[in-house]
Amino acid sequence: VAKDLGLQMPAPRDRGVRVVTEGTRQHFALHGKTGHLVTAERIDREQLCESVEKCVLRCELIVEGEM
């Protein structure tokens, strides 16, 4: 994510970059040292999308500082 945005490390952490997902559980996070998008917890497809054929988890990237 940091590479795609053209941010130098550790700038994402300093700029208040965070990943926000729908609902109360945060399924994704940014790795503090690398800026990689990682899973924040184990994702159980059967629990999240049991009655849906195509399971999609949406997330937004919030950048609080200037780009």
N, C-alpha and C. Protein backbone atom coordinates (compact mmCIF):
# COMPACT_ATOMS: atom_id res chain seq x y z
N VAL A 1 0.84 -1.19 0.00
CA VAL A 1 0.00 0.00 0.00
C VAL A 1 0.88 1.25 0.00
N ALA A 2 1.90 1.25 0.84
CA ALA A 2 2.79 2.41 0.90
C ALA A 2 3.47 2.63 -0.46
N LYS A 3 3.90 1.57 -1.09
CA LYS A 3 4.55 1.68 -2.40
C LYS A 3 3.56 2.20 -3.44
N ASP A 4 2.33 1.68 -3.44
CA ASP A 4 1.32 2.13 -4.40
C ASP A 4 0.98 3.61 -4.23
N LEU A 5 1.02 4.10 -3.00
CA LEU A 5 0.72 5.51 -2.74
C LEU A 5 1.93 6.42 -2.89
N GLY A 6 3.11 5.80 -3.07
CA GLY A 6 4.32 6.58 -3.21
C GLY A 6 4.81 7.17 -1.89
N LEU A 7 4.48 6.51 -0.77
CA LEU A 7 4.89 6.98 0.55
C LEU A 7 6.18 6.29 0.96
N GLN A 8 7.08 7.05 1.56
CA GLN A 8 8.31 6.48 2.08
C GLN A 8 8.07 5.98 3.50
N MET A 9 8.64 4.84 3.86
CA MET A 9 8.46 4.30 5.20
C MET A 9 9.32 5.10 6.16
N PRO A 10 8.98 5.34 7.41
CA PRO A 10 7.73 4.92 8.04
C PRO A 10 6.60 5.92 7.91
N ALA A 11 6.53 6.63 6.82
CA ALA A 11 5.52 7.67 6.61
C ALA A 11 4.08 7.21 6.81
N PRO A 12 3.66 6.01 6.36
CA PRO A 12 2.25 5.64 6.56
C PRO A 12 1.82 5.72 8.02
N ARG A 13 2.66 5.25 8.93
CA ARG A 13 2.32 5.31 10.34
C ARG A 13 2.28 6.76 10.82
N ASP A 14 3.24 7.58 10.39
CA ASP A 14 3.32 8.97 10.80
C ASP A 14 2.18 9.81 10.23
N ARG A 15 1.67 9.44 9.07
CA ARG A 15 0.60 10.20 8.43
C ARG A 15 -0.79 9.76 8.89
N GLY A 16 -0.88 8.81 9.76
CA GLY A 16 -2.18 8.34 10.23
C GLY A 16 -2.90 7.50 9.20
N VAL A 17 -2.16 6.73 8.42
CA VAL A 17 -2.77 5.85 7.43
C VAL A 17 -3.34 4.63 8.14
N ARG A 18 -4.60 4.31 7.84
CA ARG A 18 -5.22 3.14 8.46
C ARG A 18 -6.23 2.52 7.51
N VAL A 19 -6.54 1.26 7.74
CA VAL A 19 -7.50 0.53 6.94
C VAL A 19 -8.77 0.38 7.76
N VAL A 20 -9.92 0.69 7.14
CA VAL A 20 -11.21 0.59 7.82
C VAL A 20 -12.08 -0.36 7.02
N THR A 21 -12.68 -1.33 7.71
CA THR A 21 -13.57 -2.27 7.05
C THR A 21 -15.00 -2.06 7.54
N GLU A 22 -15.95 -2.58 6.78
CA GLU A 22 -17.36 -2.47 7.16
C GLU A 22 -17.61 -3.28 8.43
N GLY A 23 -18.54 -2.83 9.25
CA GLY A 23 -18.89 -3.55 10.46
C GLY A 23 -17.97 -3.22 11.62
N THR A 24 -18.09 -4.00 12.67
CA THR A 24 -17.34 -3.72 13.89
C THR A 24 -15.98 -4.41 13.93
N ARG A 25 -15.77 -5.44 13.12
CA ARG A 25 -14.51 -6.17 13.14
C ARG A 25 -13.58 -5.64 12.06
N GLN A 26 -12.33 -5.49 12.41
CA GLN A 26 -11.31 -5.06 11.46
C GLN A 26 -10.59 -6.29 10.92
N HIS A 27 -10.86 -6.63 9.67
CA HIS A 27 -10.27 -7.82 9.07
C HIS A 27 -8.88 -7.57 8.50
N PHE A 28 -8.55 -6.32 8.20
CA PHE A 28 -7.28 -5.98 7.57
C PHE A 28 -6.55 -4.91 8.36
N ALA A 29 -5.24 -4.85 8.18
CA ALA A 29 -4.41 -3.85 8.83
C ALA A 29 -3.21 -3.57 7.94
N LEU A 30 -2.50 -2.50 8.24
CA LEU A 30 -1.25 -2.21 7.56
C LEU A 30 -0.10 -2.64 8.46
N HIS A 31 0.83 -3.40 7.91
CA HIS A 31 2.01 -3.80 8.67
C HIS A 31 2.84 -2.54 8.93
N GLY A 32 3.16 -2.27 10.18
CA GLY A 32 3.81 -1.03 10.57
C GLY A 32 5.17 -0.79 9.96
N LYS A 33 5.96 -1.84 9.72
CA LYS A 33 7.31 -1.66 9.21
C LYS A 33 7.38 -1.70 7.69
N THR A 34 6.50 -2.47 7.05
CA THR A 34 6.59 -2.64 5.60
C THR A 34 5.53 -1.87 4.83
N GLY A 35 4.41 -1.53 5.45
CA GLY A 35 3.32 -0.88 4.76
C GLY A 35 2.46 -1.85 3.95
N HIS A 36 2.70 -3.17 4.12
CA HIS A 36 1.91 -4.18 3.42
C HIS A 36 0.53 -4.31 4.03
N LEU A 37 -0.46 -4.59 3.18
CA LEU A 37 -1.81 -4.88 3.64
C LEU A 37 -1.83 -6.33 4.11
N VAL A 38 -2.22 -6.56 5.37
CA VAL A 38 -2.22 -7.91 5.95
C VAL A 38 -3.58 -8.19 6.59
N THR A 39 -3.85 -9.45 6.85
CA THR A 39 -5.06 -9.79 7.58
C THR A 39 -4.81 -9.54 9.07
N ALA A 40 -5.75 -8.89 9.72
CA ALA A 40 -5.60 -8.57 11.14
C ALA A 40 -6.04 -9.72 12.02
N GLU A 41 -6.81 -10.63 11.45
CA GLU A 41 -7.31 -11.79 12.20
C GLU A 41 -7.62 -12.90 11.20
N ARG A 42 -7.88 -14.06 11.70
CA ARG A 42 -8.26 -15.18 10.84
C ARG A 42 -9.63 -14.87 10.24
N ILE A 43 -9.76 -15.04 8.92
CA ILE A 43 -11.01 -14.75 8.23
C ILE A 43 -11.71 -16.06 7.93
N ASP A 44 -12.91 -16.23 8.47
CA ASP A 44 -13.70 -17.45 8.30
C ASP A 44 -14.81 -17.18 7.29
N ARG A 45 -14.62 -17.65 6.06
CA ARG A 45 -15.58 -17.40 4.99
C ARG A 45 -16.96 -17.94 5.33
N GLU A 46 -17.06 -19.11 5.91
CA GLU A 46 -18.35 -19.70 6.25
C GLU A 46 -19.11 -18.85 7.25
N GLN A 47 -18.41 -18.24 8.16
CA GLN A 47 -19.05 -17.39 9.16
C GLN A 47 -19.50 -16.06 8.55
N LEU A 48 -18.68 -15.48 7.68
CA LEU A 48 -18.97 -14.17 7.11
C LEU A 48 -19.98 -14.22 5.97
N CYS A 49 -19.89 -15.24 5.13
CA CYS A 49 -20.66 -15.27 3.89
C CYS A 49 -21.33 -16.63 3.68
N GLU A 50 -21.93 -17.18 4.68
CA GLU A 50 -22.44 -18.54 4.59
C GLU A 50 -23.51 -18.73 3.52
N SER A 51 -24.33 -17.73 3.26
CA SER A 51 -25.42 -17.90 2.29
C SER A 51 -25.15 -17.20 0.96
N VAL A 52 -23.93 -16.71 0.75
CA VAL A 52 -23.60 -15.97 -0.46
C VAL A 52 -22.53 -16.73 -1.24
N GLU A 53 -22.74 -16.87 -2.55
CA GLU A 53 -21.76 -17.58 -3.37
C GLU A 53 -20.46 -16.80 -3.51
N LYS A 54 -20.57 -15.49 -3.76
CA LYS A 54 -19.39 -14.64 -3.93
C LYS A 54 -19.17 -13.83 -2.67
N CYS A 55 -18.09 -14.08 -1.97
CA CYS A 55 -17.81 -13.41 -0.70
C CYS A 55 -16.84 -12.24 -0.95
N VAL A 56 -17.27 -11.03 -0.60
CA VAL A 56 -16.46 -9.83 -0.81
C VAL A 56 -16.35 -9.08 0.51
N LEU A 57 -15.13 -8.76 0.91
CA LEU A 57 -14.90 -7.92 2.08
C LEU A 57 -14.37 -6.59 1.60
N ARG A 58 -15.11 -5.54 1.87
CA ARG A 58 -14.71 -4.21 1.41
C ARG A 58 -13.95 -3.49 2.53
N CYS A 59 -12.99 -2.69 2.11
CA CYS A 59 -12.24 -1.88 3.07
C CYS A 59 -11.86 -0.56 2.43
N GLU A 60 -11.60 0.43 3.25
CA GLU A 60 -11.17 1.74 2.80
C GLU A 60 -9.84 2.07 3.43
N LEU A 61 -9.04 2.82 2.72
CA LEU A 61 -7.77 3.29 3.23
C LEU A 61 -7.93 4.77 3.57
N ILE A 62 -7.69 5.12 4.82
CA ILE A 62 -7.83 6.50 5.30
C ILE A 62 -6.42 7.06 5.49
N VAL A 63 -6.17 8.24 4.91
CA VAL A 63 -4.90 8.93 5.09
C VAL A 63 -5.20 10.27 5.71
N GLU A 64 -4.78 10.47 6.95
CA GLU A 64 -5.09 11.70 7.68
C GLU A 64 -4.18 12.86 7.31
N GLY A 65 -2.91 12.57 7.00
CA GLY A 65 -1.96 13.63 6.64
C GLY A 65 -2.03 13.99 5.18
N GLU A 66 -1.28 14.99 4.80
CA GLU A 66 -1.24 15.42 3.39
C GLU A 66 -0.53 14.38 2.55
N MET A 67 -0.98 14.27 1.30
CA MET A 67 -0.35 13.35 0.35
C MET A 67 0.62 14.11 -0.53
